Amino acid sequence: RRSCRACYLRILWAGDRSTPKDKWSNFDPTGLERAAKAARELDASRHAKDALSLAQMQEQTLQLEQQAKLKEYEAAIEQLKNEQIRVQAEERRKTLSEETKQHQARAQYQDKLARQRYDEQMRQQQLANEENLRKQEESVQKQEAMRRATVEREMELRHKNEMLRVEAEARARAKAERENADIIREQIRLKAAEHRQTVLESLKTAGMLFGEGFRAFVTDWDKVTATVAGLTLLAVGVYSAKNATAVAGRYIEARLGKPSLVRETSRITVLEALKHPIKVECGSRLTSKAQDALEGVVLSPQLEARVRDIAIATRNTKKNKSLYRNILMYGPPGTGKTLFAKKLAVHSGMDYAIMTGGDVAPMGREGVTAIHKLFDWANTSRRGLLLFVDEADAFLRKRATEKISEDLRATLNAFLHRTGQHSNKFMLVLASNQPEQFDWAINDRIDEMVNFDLPQLEERERLVRMYFDRHVLKPATEGKQRLKLAQFDYGKKCSEIARLTEGMSGREISQLAVAWQAAAYASEDGVLTEAMIDARVADAVQQHRQKMEWLKAEGTEASKEGIRTPLLPFPKGTPV
């Protein structure tokens, strides 16, 4: 019972403590009274034992709950410790990573600073060299100016002295002549009389000799006959020699001289050998050496592999003295057709001859004779001849559909007659921008067709770098010309120019490099800057677009008039 009363008192006391109050002023004595009353009621109750058991069970439950909470608290503390260890490890890892990054950044920054210092030193050294060069040039110019001034001063003094001497001599001579005028006139009169007498005697003597000789010649008929016969034979000999020389010259010109249709050839004529023997010997040595067929020619990888096979086959054909194959190279202008034809001839050890189709039509009736002379001359080549016909569509047009003159038709027939069979003396290479205009018989004589397309990005970059080295970088580094190059990233600039020149041919890129060189020559100091290069590139791109617009307008006008025009290959990216 005392236990029950204590439990009830605790319960009541706990209920009273549920509302915390001030330490002294909030004390309620009625709680004790209610506890005492509850204890007396519990003692008088018959359920005191059950209440005691219930209180014990509640106390045990509270203890178990407290122990469970204690274990949960310990587990939470352990988990917090583990989490703290994990966080510390993660922080250490992040710290190490951040320190590594900082070290790398510091090393990169130090390397960047070192490169900048090196570049600055090089720039300062270059500026110092340029300044020293400028001072030396100024010193040389000053010395040259002083020397020129000294020489001019000496010449002026010498001229003055000479003038004074001449003036003094003239005065002395005039004074002497005035004093001796009578004596001089008498001497002149005597000399004139003596000369007149000498001339008269000479004339008399010559007349007497000539008269006696002519009288003796006329009276002797044998001498007269011999003289007439000699003069007649002399006239006949001169006339015969003149005609024989003309005939021999025409024969040699037909067999050994360059035909009139050939614009350029590597074959040496007799006249050139007589005029320039040293130049001809050096040229023959250069052409006799084996060279790469694609040296200086930039093509796409597929086209490069194909034309290299053609070059190897042509070289082996010449070695084995077999029959040459005829080739057609077509594509936009400026894509390297003529250059490859020359390289092919040199690589194969052959001579080359270049003619253009536009020269045939103006010849009229002489065209047939010129074609026969051309192929007769080609057949006399000992090394083999590569005959390159540029703009071949100008006279090899369709005979059935095209309106061509009878003379041009006869010339075309003569060309077909001379190229009807393969030859081991010459190789025919045709080039055209409009191959669809060829006569069908011409197409039948072509063994292989090669399409030379416009260069793509990779080929344009190679072309830009090659022409930049040839026309700008090499002259600037050699120092022989008035050309200097500013400091900028040449490789990056060449790549940028290759992207900007989309649709341009190799010839246009070459002209662009020449324009850079001209811009440097036109500047005051001869220095080619990056801004000057960009300006010339912008002009070239604008001009290329204008050309494409003209070509588009020409095709539109022809289509409106109902005229059939060949489709020229437009560059990629050109608005059509």
Protein backbone atom coordinates (compact mmCIF):
# COMPACT_ATOMS: atom_id res chain seq x y z
CA ARG A 1 0.00 0.00 0.00
CA ARG A 2 2.77 2.36 0.77
CA SER A 3 4.11 1.51 -2.66
CA CYS A 4 0.76 2.21 -4.24
CA ARG A 5 0.48 5.44 -2.43
CA ALA A 6 3.98 6.42 -3.57
CA CYS A 7 3.01 5.62 -7.15
CA TYR A 8 -0.12 7.66 -6.95
CA LEU A 9 1.83 10.46 -5.38
CA ARG A 10 4.35 10.36 -8.21
CA ILE A 11 1.60 10.35 -10.78
CA LEU A 12 -0.11 13.24 -9.17
CA TRP A 13 3.19 15.04 -8.73
CA ALA A 14 4.03 14.44 -12.33
CA GLY A 15 0.67 15.79 -13.33
CA ASP A 16 1.31 18.84 -11.27
CA ARG A 17 4.76 19.26 -12.88
CA SER A 18 3.33 19.16 -16.34
CA THR A 19 2.82 22.86 -16.04
CA PRO A 20 6.10 24.26 -14.83
CA LYS A 21 5.80 27.29 -12.59
CA ASP A 22 7.99 29.61 -10.69
CA LYS A 23 10.26 28.14 -8.04
CA TRP A 24 8.51 29.46 -4.87
CA SER A 25 5.49 31.46 -5.75
CA ASN A 26 3.95 28.73 -7.93
CA PHE A 27 4.02 25.95 -5.27
CA ASP A 28 0.52 24.39 -4.83
CA PRO A 29 0.03 22.59 -1.46
CA THR A 30 -3.29 21.18 -2.59
CA GLY A 31 -1.40 18.61 -4.62
CA LEU A 32 -0.17 16.99 -1.42
CA GLU A 33 -3.64 16.94 -0.02
CA ARG A 34 -5.02 15.27 -3.11
CA ALA A 35 -2.18 12.75 -3.01
CA ALA A 36 -2.89 11.90 0.62
CA LYS A 37 -6.59 11.54 -0.14
CA ALA A 38 -5.81 9.29 -3.08
CA ALA A 39 -3.52 7.16 -0.88
CA ARG A 40 -6.28 6.70 1.72
CA GLU A 41 -8.75 5.73 -1.00
CA LEU A 42 -6.23 3.30 -2.46
CA ASP A 43 -5.69 1.69 0.94
CA ALA A 44 -9.40 1.25 1.34
CA SER A 45 -9.79 -0.18 -2.20
CA ARG A 46 -9.87 -3.91 -2.90
CA HIS A 47 -7.87 -3.49 -6.11
CA ALA A 48 -4.73 -2.28 -4.36
CA LYS A 49 -2.74 -5.37 -5.29
CA ASP A 50 -3.69 -5.08 -8.95
CA ALA A 51 -2.78 -1.44 -8.98
CA LEU A 52 0.56 -2.30 -7.47
CA SER A 53 1.22 -4.90 -10.18
CA LEU A 54 0.13 -2.45 -12.81
CA ALA A 55 2.45 0.18 -11.41
CA GLN A 56 5.36 -2.26 -11.39
CA MET A 57 4.65 -3.24 -14.96
CA GLN A 58 4.51 0.39 -15.97
CA GLU A 59 7.80 1.03 -14.23
CA GLN A 60 9.44 -1.88 -16.03
CA THR A 61 8.01 -0.69 -19.32
CA LEU A 62 9.40 2.76 -18.68
CA GLN A 63 12.81 1.29 -17.90
CA LEU A 64 12.77 -0.81 -21.07
CA GLU A 65 11.76 2.22 -23.12
CA GLN A 66 14.53 4.21 -21.53
CA GLN A 67 17.05 1.46 -22.33
CA ALA A 68 15.78 1.27 -25.94
CA LYS A 69 16.05 5.05 -26.27
CA LEU A 70 19.53 4.86 -24.79
CA LYS A 71 20.58 2.25 -27.36
CA GLU A 72 18.99 4.28 -30.15
CA TYR A 73 20.89 7.31 -28.89
CA GLU A 74 24.16 5.35 -28.82
CA ALA A 75 23.46 4.04 -32.34
CA ALA A 76 22.70 7.57 -33.53
CA ILE A 77 25.92 8.78 -31.94
CA GLU A 78 27.85 5.98 -33.68
CA GLN A 79 26.18 6.81 -36.99
CA LEU A 80 27.03 10.46 -36.50
CA LYS A 81 30.65 9.49 -35.82
CA ASN A 82 30.75 7.35 -39.01
CA GLU A 83 29.14 10.15 -41.01
CA GLN A 84 31.64 12.59 -39.55
CA ILE A 85 34.53 10.28 -40.56
CA ARG A 86 33.07 9.94 -44.08
CA VAL A 87 32.61 13.70 -44.38
CA GLN A 88 36.16 14.29 -43.18
CA ALA A 89 37.49 11.76 -45.71
CA GLU A 90 35.44 13.40 -48.47
CA GLU A 91 36.71 16.82 -47.43
CA ARG A 92 40.30 15.56 -47.48
CA ARG A 93 39.75 14.05 -50.96
CA LYS A 94 38.24 17.30 -52.23
CA THR A 95 41.07 19.23 -50.64
CA LEU A 96 43.68 17.04 -52.34
CA SER A 97 41.85 17.32 -55.68
CA GLU A 98 41.58 21.06 -55.34
CA GLU A 99 45.27 21.31 -54.40
CA THR A 100 46.15 19.20 -57.47
CA LYS A 101 44.07 21.47 -59.69
CA GLN A 102 45.68 24.50 -58.14
CA HIS A 103 49.15 23.04 -58.76
CA GLN A 104 48.25 22.26 -62.37
CA ALA A 105 46.78 25.71 -62.93
CA ARG A 106 49.84 27.27 -61.31
CA ALA A 107 52.14 25.19 -63.55
CA GLN A 108 50.14 26.09 -66.66
CA TYR A 109 50.14 29.74 -65.69
CA GLN A 110 53.88 29.66 -65.08
CA ASP A 111 54.39 27.93 -68.46
CA LYS A 112 52.16 30.51 -70.13
CA LEU A 113 54.12 33.31 -68.48
CA ALA A 114 57.37 31.71 -69.61
CA ARG A 115 56.10 31.46 -73.21
CA GLN A 116 54.87 35.03 -73.08
CA ARG A 117 58.23 36.16 -71.75
CA TYR A 118 59.97 34.21 -74.52
CA ASP A 119 57.67 35.66 -77.17
CA GLU A 120 58.20 39.12 -75.74
CA GLN A 121 61.95 38.61 -75.75
CA MET A 122 61.81 37.41 -79.35
CA ARG A 123 59.64 40.36 -80.31
CA GLN A 124 61.96 42.78 -78.55
CA GLN A 125 64.93 41.11 -80.24
CA GLN A 126 63.21 41.40 -83.62
CA LEU A 127 62.36 45.03 -82.95
CA ALA A 128 65.94 45.65 -81.91
CA ASN A 129 67.22 43.93 -85.05
CA GLU A 130 64.85 45.95 -87.19
CA GLU A 131 65.90 49.12 -85.43
CA ASN A 132 69.57 48.28 -85.94
CA LEU A 133 68.87 47.48 -89.58
CA ARG A 134 67.00 50.74 -89.98
CA LYS A 135 69.86 52.66 -88.37
CA GLN A 136 72.36 50.91 -90.60
CA GLU A 137 70.26 51.73 -93.65
CA GLU A 138 69.98 55.35 -92.53
CA SER A 139 73.75 55.46 -91.93
CA VAL A 140 74.41 53.97 -95.36
CA GLN A 141 71.99 56.42 -96.93
CA LYS A 142 73.65 59.33 -95.13
CA GLN A 143 77.08 58.14 -96.21
CA GLU A 144 75.84 57.68 -99.76
CA ALA A 145 74.30 61.17 -99.71
CA MET A 146 77.56 62.67 -98.38
CA ARG A 147 79.58 60.80 -101.00
CA ARG A 148 77.19 61.90 -103.73
CA ALA A 149 77.37 65.50 -102.52
CA THR A 150 81.18 65.31 -102.44
CA VAL A 151 81.32 63.88 -105.95
CA GLU A 152 78.91 66.51 -107.21
CA ARG A 153 80.97 69.24 -105.57
CA GLU A 154 84.16 67.86 -107.12
CA MET A 155 82.50 67.66 -110.51
CA GLU A 156 81.25 71.22 -110.16
CA LEU A 157 84.71 72.52 -109.24
CA ARG A 158 86.30 70.50 -112.04
CA HIS A 159 83.75 71.86 -114.48
CA LYS A 160 84.40 75.42 -113.35
CA ASN A 161 88.15 74.95 -113.70
CA GLU A 162 87.70 73.38 -117.13
CA MET A 163 85.47 76.23 -118.24
CA LEU A 164 88.01 78.78 -117.01
CA ARG A 165 90.81 76.93 -118.82
CA VAL A 166 88.84 76.68 -122.06
CA GLU A 167 87.85 80.33 -121.82
CA ALA A 168 91.47 81.37 -121.28
CA GLU A 169 92.66 79.20 -124.18
CA ALA A 170 89.91 80.59 -126.44
CA ARG A 171 90.87 84.14 -125.55
CA ALA A 172 94.54 83.45 -126.20
CA ARG A 173 93.76 81.70 -129.50
CA ALA A 174 91.47 84.54 -130.60
CA LYS A 175 94.13 87.13 -129.72
CA ALA A 176 96.78 85.16 -131.65
CA GLU A 177 94.47 84.78 -134.65
CA ARG A 178 93.73 88.50 -134.66
CA GLU A 179 97.41 89.27 -134.57
CA ASN A 180 98.28 86.70 -137.37
CA ALA A 181 95.17 87.11 -139.56
CA ASP A 182 97.13 88.12 -142.71
CA ILE A 183 99.58 85.23 -142.41
CA ILE A 184 96.75 82.72 -141.90
CA ARG A 185 94.80 83.98 -144.97
CA GLU A 186 97.88 83.61 -147.12
CA GLN A 187 98.48 80.05 -145.89
CA ILE A 188 94.86 79.12 -146.65
CA ARG A 189 95.08 80.53 -150.18
CA LEU A 190 98.30 78.62 -150.90
CA LYS A 191 96.84 75.34 -149.58
CA ALA A 192 93.68 75.73 -151.72
CA ALA A 193 95.72 76.39 -154.89
CA GLU A 194 97.93 73.38 -154.22
CA HIS A 195 94.89 71.10 -153.58
CA ARG A 196 93.17 72.27 -156.79
CA GLN A 197 96.25 71.53 -158.84
CA THR A 198 96.58 68.04 -157.31
CA VAL A 199 92.93 67.15 -158.05
CA LEU A 200 93.20 68.29 -161.67
CA GLU A 201 96.29 66.19 -162.27
CA SER A 202 94.64 63.15 -160.68
CA LEU A 203 91.57 63.49 -162.90
CA LYS A 204 93.70 63.78 -166.03
CA THR A 205 95.71 60.66 -165.10
CA ALA A 206 92.57 58.60 -164.29
CA GLY A 207 90.84 59.63 -167.54
CA MET A 208 93.85 58.62 -169.59
CA LEU A 209 94.12 55.21 -167.88
CA PHE A 210 90.37 54.47 -168.19
CA GLY A 211 90.29 55.50 -171.87
CA GLU A 212 93.25 53.31 -172.75
CA GLY A 213 91.82 50.31 -170.85
CA PHE A 214 88.33 50.62 -172.41
CA ARG A 215 89.86 50.99 -175.89
CA ALA A 216 91.95 47.84 -175.34
CA PHE A 217 88.89 45.90 -173.98
CA VAL A 218 86.64 46.86 -176.92
CA THR A 219 89.18 45.93 -179.52
CA ASP A 220 89.69 42.40 -177.91
CA TRP A 221 86.53 40.26 -178.66
CA ASP A 222 87.70 37.29 -176.52
CA LYS A 223 87.65 39.38 -173.37
CA VAL A 224 84.18 40.75 -174.18
CA THR A 225 82.79 37.22 -174.66
CA ALA A 226 84.34 35.89 -171.44
CA THR A 227 82.97 38.83 -169.44
CA VAL A 228 79.40 38.38 -170.75
CA ALA A 229 79.50 34.60 -170.06
CA GLY A 230 80.78 35.15 -166.51
CA LEU A 231 78.05 37.65 -165.67
CA THR A 232 75.37 35.30 -167.05
CA LEU A 233 76.63 32.34 -165.00
CA LEU A 234 76.80 34.52 -161.88
CA ALA A 235 73.16 35.60 -162.29
CA VAL A 236 72.01 31.99 -162.83
CA GLY A 237 73.93 30.82 -159.74
CA VAL A 238 72.47 33.51 -157.50
CA TYR A 239 68.91 32.73 -158.65
CA SER A 240 69.36 28.97 -158.20
CA ALA A 241 70.92 29.33 -154.75
CA LYS A 242 68.08 31.57 -153.64
CA ASN A 243 65.37 29.13 -154.73
CA ALA A 244 67.21 26.10 -153.34
CA THR A 245 67.66 27.82 -149.97
CA ALA A 246 63.93 28.63 -149.80
CA VAL A 247 62.95 25.04 -150.63
CA ALA A 248 65.38 23.59 -148.07
CA GLY A 249 64.18 26.03 -145.43
CA ARG A 250 60.57 25.08 -146.00
CA TYR A 251 61.45 21.37 -145.75
CA ILE A 252 63.45 21.83 -142.54
CA GLU A 253 60.69 23.98 -141.05
CA ALA A 254 58.09 21.33 -141.92
CA ARG A 255 60.13 18.55 -140.36
CA LEU A 256 62.09 20.20 -137.54
CA GLY A 257 60.60 23.65 -136.97
CA LYS A 258 57.69 24.40 -134.63
CA PRO A 259 54.27 24.38 -136.37
CA SER A 260 52.20 27.53 -136.32
CA LEU A 261 49.46 25.95 -134.19
CA VAL A 262 51.84 25.11 -131.33
CA ARG A 263 51.80 27.80 -128.65
CA GLU A 264 54.35 26.23 -126.29
CA THR A 265 56.61 23.19 -126.51
CA SER A 266 59.50 21.60 -124.69
CA ARG A 267 60.84 20.17 -127.95
CA ILE A 268 64.03 21.87 -129.09
CA THR A 269 64.10 23.19 -132.66
CA VAL A 270 67.25 23.66 -134.75
CA LEU A 271 66.86 27.44 -134.76
CA GLU A 272 66.57 27.58 -130.97
CA ALA A 273 69.58 25.28 -130.58
CA LEU A 274 71.65 27.60 -132.78
CA LYS A 275 70.48 30.75 -131.00
CA HIS A 276 70.68 29.57 -127.37
CA PRO A 277 72.92 26.47 -127.11
CA ILE A 278 73.63 26.82 -123.36
CA LYS A 279 69.98 27.37 -122.46
CA VAL A 280 68.91 24.44 -124.61
CA GLU A 281 71.52 22.16 -123.01
CA CYS A 282 70.40 23.10 -119.47
CA GLY A 283 66.74 22.62 -120.41
CA SER A 284 67.41 19.20 -121.93
CA ARG A 285 69.19 18.10 -118.75
CA LEU A 286 66.28 19.21 -116.61
CA THR A 287 63.67 17.49 -118.77
CA SER A 288 65.71 14.28 -118.94
CA LYS A 289 65.57 13.87 -115.15
CA ALA A 290 62.66 11.86 -113.76
CA GLN A 291 60.26 14.06 -111.80
CA ASP A 292 57.13 13.42 -109.80
CA ALA A 293 54.06 13.75 -112.00
CA LEU A 294 52.14 15.49 -109.18
CA GLU A 295 54.87 17.87 -108.00
CA GLY A 296 53.17 21.21 -107.42
CA VAL A 297 49.74 19.79 -108.39
CA VAL A 298 47.13 19.70 -105.59
CA LEU A 299 44.22 17.32 -106.20
CA SER A 300 41.76 15.32 -104.13
CA PRO A 301 43.02 11.93 -102.85
CA GLN A 302 40.80 9.93 -105.25
CA LEU A 303 41.77 12.02 -108.29
CA GLU A 304 45.42 12.03 -107.24
CA ALA A 305 45.49 8.23 -107.10
CA ARG A 306 43.86 7.98 -110.53
CA VAL A 307 46.16 10.44 -112.34
CA ARG A 308 49.20 8.86 -110.68
CA ASP A 309 48.18 5.52 -112.20
CA ILE A 310 47.87 7.26 -115.59
CA ALA A 311 51.37 8.77 -115.19
CA ILE A 312 52.91 5.40 -114.29
CA ALA A 313 51.16 3.69 -117.19
CA THR A 314 52.30 6.37 -119.64
CA ARG A 315 55.92 6.13 -118.47
CA ASN A 316 55.93 2.35 -118.83
CA THR A 317 54.25 2.67 -122.25
CA LYS A 318 57.13 4.87 -123.45
CA LYS A 319 59.73 2.49 -122.03
CA ASN A 320 58.14 -0.49 -123.81
CA LYS A 321 57.53 1.51 -127.03
CA SER A 322 53.87 0.60 -126.99
CA LEU A 323 50.79 2.54 -128.19
CA TYR A 324 49.77 5.61 -126.22
CA ARG A 325 46.22 6.12 -124.92
CA ASN A 326 44.19 9.27 -125.58
CA ILE A 327 42.88 11.14 -122.52
CA LEU A 328 40.15 13.74 -122.00
CA MET A 329 40.46 16.07 -118.99
CA TYR A 330 37.32 18.09 -118.33
CA GLY A 331 36.16 20.38 -115.56
CA PRO A 332 36.00 24.05 -114.54
CA PRO A 333 38.84 26.36 -115.64
CA GLY A 334 41.85 26.75 -113.36
CA THR A 335 41.72 23.26 -111.82
CA GLY A 336 45.19 22.10 -112.97
CA LYS A 337 44.57 20.34 -116.30
CA THR A 338 47.35 22.08 -118.26
CA LEU A 339 49.81 21.85 -115.36
CA PHE A 340 49.22 18.12 -114.97
CA ALA A 341 49.68 17.59 -118.72
CA LYS A 342 53.14 19.23 -118.57
CA LYS A 343 54.09 17.25 -115.46
CA LEU A 344 52.89 14.04 -117.13
CA ALA A 345 55.12 14.66 -120.16
CA VAL A 346 58.19 15.45 -118.04
CA HIS A 347 57.54 12.46 -115.74
CA SER A 348 57.23 10.12 -118.74
CA GLY A 349 60.36 11.47 -120.44
CA MET A 350 58.37 12.87 -123.37
CA ASP A 351 58.24 16.24 -125.10
CA TYR A 352 55.04 18.23 -124.83
CA ALA A 353 53.35 20.64 -127.21
CA ILE A 354 50.42 22.87 -126.26
CA MET A 355 47.92 24.21 -128.76
CA THR A 356 44.53 25.85 -128.28
CA GLY A 357 41.38 25.10 -130.22
CA GLY A 358 40.62 28.78 -130.72
CA ASP A 359 43.59 29.12 -133.12
CA VAL A 360 42.16 26.66 -135.64
CA ALA A 361 38.95 28.42 -136.72
CA PRO A 362 40.58 31.74 -137.83
CA MET A 363 42.96 29.85 -140.17
CA GLY A 364 40.16 29.07 -142.63
CA ARG A 365 41.36 26.93 -145.54
CA GLU A 366 44.86 26.77 -144.11
CA GLY A 367 43.53 24.77 -141.16
CA VAL A 368 43.75 21.40 -142.92
CA THR A 369 47.37 22.04 -143.95
CA ALA A 370 48.24 23.23 -140.43
CA ILE A 371 46.73 20.05 -138.89
CA HIS A 372 48.73 17.80 -141.24
CA LYS A 373 51.93 19.78 -140.51
CA LEU A 374 51.25 19.44 -136.78
CA PHE A 375 50.92 15.65 -136.87
CA ASP A 376 53.85 15.27 -139.31
CA TRP A 377 55.96 17.24 -136.86
CA ALA A 378 54.68 15.11 -133.96
CA ASN A 379 55.61 11.88 -135.74
CA THR A 380 59.24 13.04 -136.09
CA SER A 381 59.77 13.21 -132.30
CA ARG A 382 62.34 10.71 -131.05
CA ARG A 383 61.31 10.93 -127.39
CA GLY A 384 57.57 10.81 -128.03
CA LEU A 385 55.28 13.85 -127.95
CA LEU A 386 52.36 14.65 -125.64
CA LEU A 387 50.05 16.83 -127.73
CA PHE A 388 47.84 18.85 -125.35
CA VAL A 389 44.84 20.52 -127.02
CA ASP A 390 43.42 23.17 -124.69
CA GLU A 391 39.83 24.40 -125.23
CA ALA A 392 39.43 21.51 -127.67
CA ASP A 393 35.66 22.05 -127.92
CA ALA A 394 36.35 25.26 -129.91
CA PHE A 395 36.86 23.27 -133.16
CA LEU A 396 35.98 19.64 -132.32
CA ARG A 397 32.23 20.37 -132.25
CA LYS A 398 29.38 18.18 -133.48
CA ARG A 399 29.26 18.17 -137.26
CA ALA A 400 25.59 17.20 -137.42
CA THR A 401 24.02 19.67 -135.01
CA GLU A 402 26.41 22.60 -134.72
CA LYS A 403 26.51 25.32 -137.36
CA ILE A 404 30.17 25.25 -138.35
CA SER A 405 31.83 26.48 -141.54
CA GLU A 406 33.00 24.16 -144.30
CA ASP A 407 36.62 25.05 -143.60
CA LEU A 408 36.26 24.12 -139.94
CA ARG A 409 34.42 20.93 -140.92
CA ALA A 410 37.30 20.00 -143.25
CA THR A 411 39.81 20.73 -140.49
CA LEU A 412 37.86 18.49 -138.10
CA ASN A 413 37.83 15.70 -140.70
CA ALA A 414 41.59 16.03 -141.11
CA PHE A 415 42.01 15.81 -137.33
CA LEU A 416 39.83 12.68 -137.22
CA HIS A 417 41.82 11.15 -140.07
CA ARG A 418 45.17 11.66 -138.27
CA THR A 419 43.85 10.35 -134.91
CA GLY A 420 41.93 7.33 -136.20
CA GLN A 421 44.47 4.87 -134.79
CA HIS A 422 46.68 4.82 -131.72
CA SER A 423 50.28 5.88 -132.21
CA ASN A 424 53.57 5.13 -130.50
CA LYS A 425 54.90 8.55 -131.54
CA PHE A 426 52.46 10.92 -129.87
CA MET A 427 49.85 10.91 -127.09
CA LEU A 428 46.70 13.02 -127.50
CA VAL A 429 45.39 14.84 -124.39
CA LEU A 430 42.26 16.96 -124.77
CA ALA A 431 41.07 19.55 -122.24
CA SER A 432 37.64 21.14 -122.24
CA ASN A 433 35.18 22.96 -120.01
CA GLN A 434 32.25 21.81 -122.20
CA PRO A 435 32.89 18.15 -123.19
CA GLU A 436 29.26 17.62 -124.16
CA GLN A 437 29.86 19.66 -127.34
CA PHE A 438 32.38 17.15 -128.78
CA ASP A 439 31.60 15.30 -132.00
CA TRP A 440 30.75 11.64 -131.46
CA ALA A 441 33.80 10.57 -133.45
CA ILE A 442 35.99 12.51 -130.99
CA ASN A 443 34.36 10.73 -128.06
CA ASP A 444 35.06 7.41 -129.80
CA ARG A 445 38.79 8.22 -129.92
CA ILE A 446 39.02 8.95 -126.16
CA ASP A 447 40.31 6.05 -124.06
CA GLU A 448 39.94 7.61 -120.59
CA MET A 449 38.08 10.61 -119.17
CA VAL A 450 39.26 12.39 -116.01
CA ASN A 451 37.12 14.95 -114.18
CA PHE A 452 39.11 17.79 -112.57
CA ASP A 453 36.65 19.23 -110.03
CA LEU A 454 37.00 22.33 -107.89
CA PRO A 455 39.19 21.88 -104.80
CA GLN A 456 37.51 21.09 -101.49
CA LEU A 457 38.47 22.46 -98.05
CA GLU A 458 41.53 20.25 -97.55
CA GLU A 459 42.84 20.88 -101.07
CA ARG A 460 42.18 24.61 -100.78
CA GLU A 461 44.19 24.76 -97.56
CA ARG A 462 47.10 22.95 -99.25
CA LEU A 463 46.89 25.36 -102.20
CA VAL A 464 46.80 28.42 -99.93
CA ARG A 465 49.82 27.20 -97.96
CA MET A 466 51.77 26.33 -101.15
CA TYR A 467 51.15 29.68 -102.86
CA PHE A 468 51.68 31.58 -99.58
CA ASP A 469 55.13 29.96 -99.24
CA ARG A 470 55.95 30.55 -102.91
CA HIS A 471 54.82 34.18 -103.34
CA VAL A 472 55.06 35.62 -99.80
CA LEU A 473 57.04 33.64 -97.25
CA LYS A 474 59.98 32.62 -99.45
CA PRO A 475 60.61 36.13 -100.91
CA ALA A 476 60.28 37.62 -97.40
CA THR A 477 62.81 35.22 -95.83
CA GLU A 478 65.35 35.39 -98.65
CA GLY A 479 65.58 39.17 -98.35
CA LYS A 480 66.24 39.69 -102.08
CA GLN A 481 62.98 41.55 -102.68
CA ARG A 482 61.23 44.50 -101.06
CA LEU A 483 58.88 42.31 -99.06
CA LYS A 484 58.55 41.80 -95.32
CA LEU A 485 55.99 39.85 -93.34
CA ALA A 486 54.33 40.98 -90.11
CA GLN A 487 54.07 38.69 -87.09
CA PHE A 488 50.87 36.59 -86.97
CA ASP A 489 49.82 32.94 -86.98
CA TYR A 490 50.43 31.95 -90.61
CA GLY A 491 48.97 28.44 -90.28
CA LYS A 492 45.75 29.64 -88.64
CA LYS A 493 45.39 32.39 -91.25
CA CYS A 494 45.83 29.90 -94.13
CA SER A 495 43.14 27.63 -92.65
CA GLU A 496 40.80 30.60 -92.30
CA ILE A 497 41.41 31.68 -95.91
CA ALA A 498 40.73 28.12 -97.11
CA ARG A 499 37.31 28.25 -95.45
CA LEU A 500 36.52 31.66 -96.96
CA THR A 501 37.51 30.73 -100.54
CA GLU A 502 34.87 28.05 -101.03
CA GLY A 503 34.08 27.53 -104.72
CA MET A 504 37.32 29.14 -105.98
CA SER A 505 39.69 27.32 -108.33
CA GLY A 506 43.41 26.80 -107.94
CA ARG A 507 44.14 29.58 -110.45
CA GLU A 508 42.03 32.04 -108.44
CA ILE A 509 43.88 31.11 -105.24
CA SER A 510 47.21 31.61 -107.05
CA GLN A 511 46.03 35.04 -108.23
CA LEU A 512 45.06 35.83 -104.63
CA ALA A 513 48.62 35.05 -103.44
CA VAL A 514 50.04 37.30 -106.18
CA ALA A 515 47.65 40.03 -104.98
CA TRP A 516 49.12 39.73 -101.47
CA GLN A 517 52.60 40.21 -102.90
CA ALA A 518 51.45 43.25 -104.91
CA ALA A 519 49.85 44.75 -101.79
CA ALA A 520 53.14 44.47 -99.94
CA TYR A 521 55.02 46.10 -102.83
CA ALA A 522 52.48 48.93 -102.92
CA SER A 523 52.85 49.73 -99.20
CA GLU A 524 55.28 52.35 -97.93
CA ASP A 525 57.44 50.03 -95.84
CA GLY A 526 56.89 46.83 -97.87
CA VAL A 527 55.39 44.95 -94.87
CA LEU A 528 52.48 42.60 -95.52
CA THR A 529 50.11 42.70 -92.56
CA GLU A 530 47.21 40.46 -91.61
CA ALA A 531 44.73 43.27 -92.33
CA MET A 532 46.08 43.63 -95.88
CA ILE A 533 45.68 39.87 -96.44
CA ASP A 534 42.08 39.96 -95.14
CA ALA A 535 41.25 42.91 -97.42
CA ARG A 536 42.58 41.12 -100.52
CA VAL A 537 40.70 37.93 -99.57
CA ALA A 538 37.45 39.90 -99.18
CA ASP A 539 37.98 41.49 -102.63
CA ALA A 540 38.70 38.10 -104.23
CA VAL A 541 35.58 36.53 -102.68
CA GLN A 542 33.45 39.46 -103.87
CA GLN A 543 34.86 39.21 -107.40
CA HIS A 544 34.22 35.45 -107.44
CA ARG A 545 30.58 36.00 -106.45
CA GLN A 546 30.22 38.62 -109.19
CA LYS A 547 31.58 36.15 -111.78
CA MET A 548 29.11 33.51 -110.61
CA GLU A 549 26.25 36.01 -110.91
CA TRP A 550 27.32 36.85 -114.47
CA LEU A 551 27.46 33.15 -115.31
CA LYS A 552 24.01 32.60 -113.82
CA ALA A 553 22.59 35.60 -115.73
CA GLU A 554 24.13 34.31 -118.99
CA GLY A 555 22.55 30.89 -118.49
CA THR A 556 19.16 32.45 -117.67
CA GLU A 557 19.24 34.70 -120.75
CA ALA A 558 20.22 31.79 -122.99
CA SER A 559 17.38 29.65 -121.60
CA LYS A 560 14.87 32.46 -122.26
CA GLU A 561 16.06 32.74 -125.88
CA GLY A 562 15.75 28.98 -126.35
CA ILE A 563 19.46 28.45 -126.91
CA ARG A 564 20.96 25.22 -125.67
CA THR A 565 23.92 26.01 -123.46
CA PRO A 566 26.26 23.54 -121.78
CA LEU A 567 25.92 23.16 -118.06
CA LEU A 568 29.09 24.39 -116.48
CA PRO A 569 29.82 22.94 -113.03
CA PHE A 570 28.96 25.57 -110.45
CA PRO A 571 31.02 25.63 -107.25
CA LYS A 572 29.42 24.11 -104.20
CA GLY A 573 27.54 26.68 -102.20
CA THR A 574 26.89 28.96 -105.22
CA PRO A 575 23.25 30.08 -105.41
CA VAL A 576 21.75 28.77 -108.65
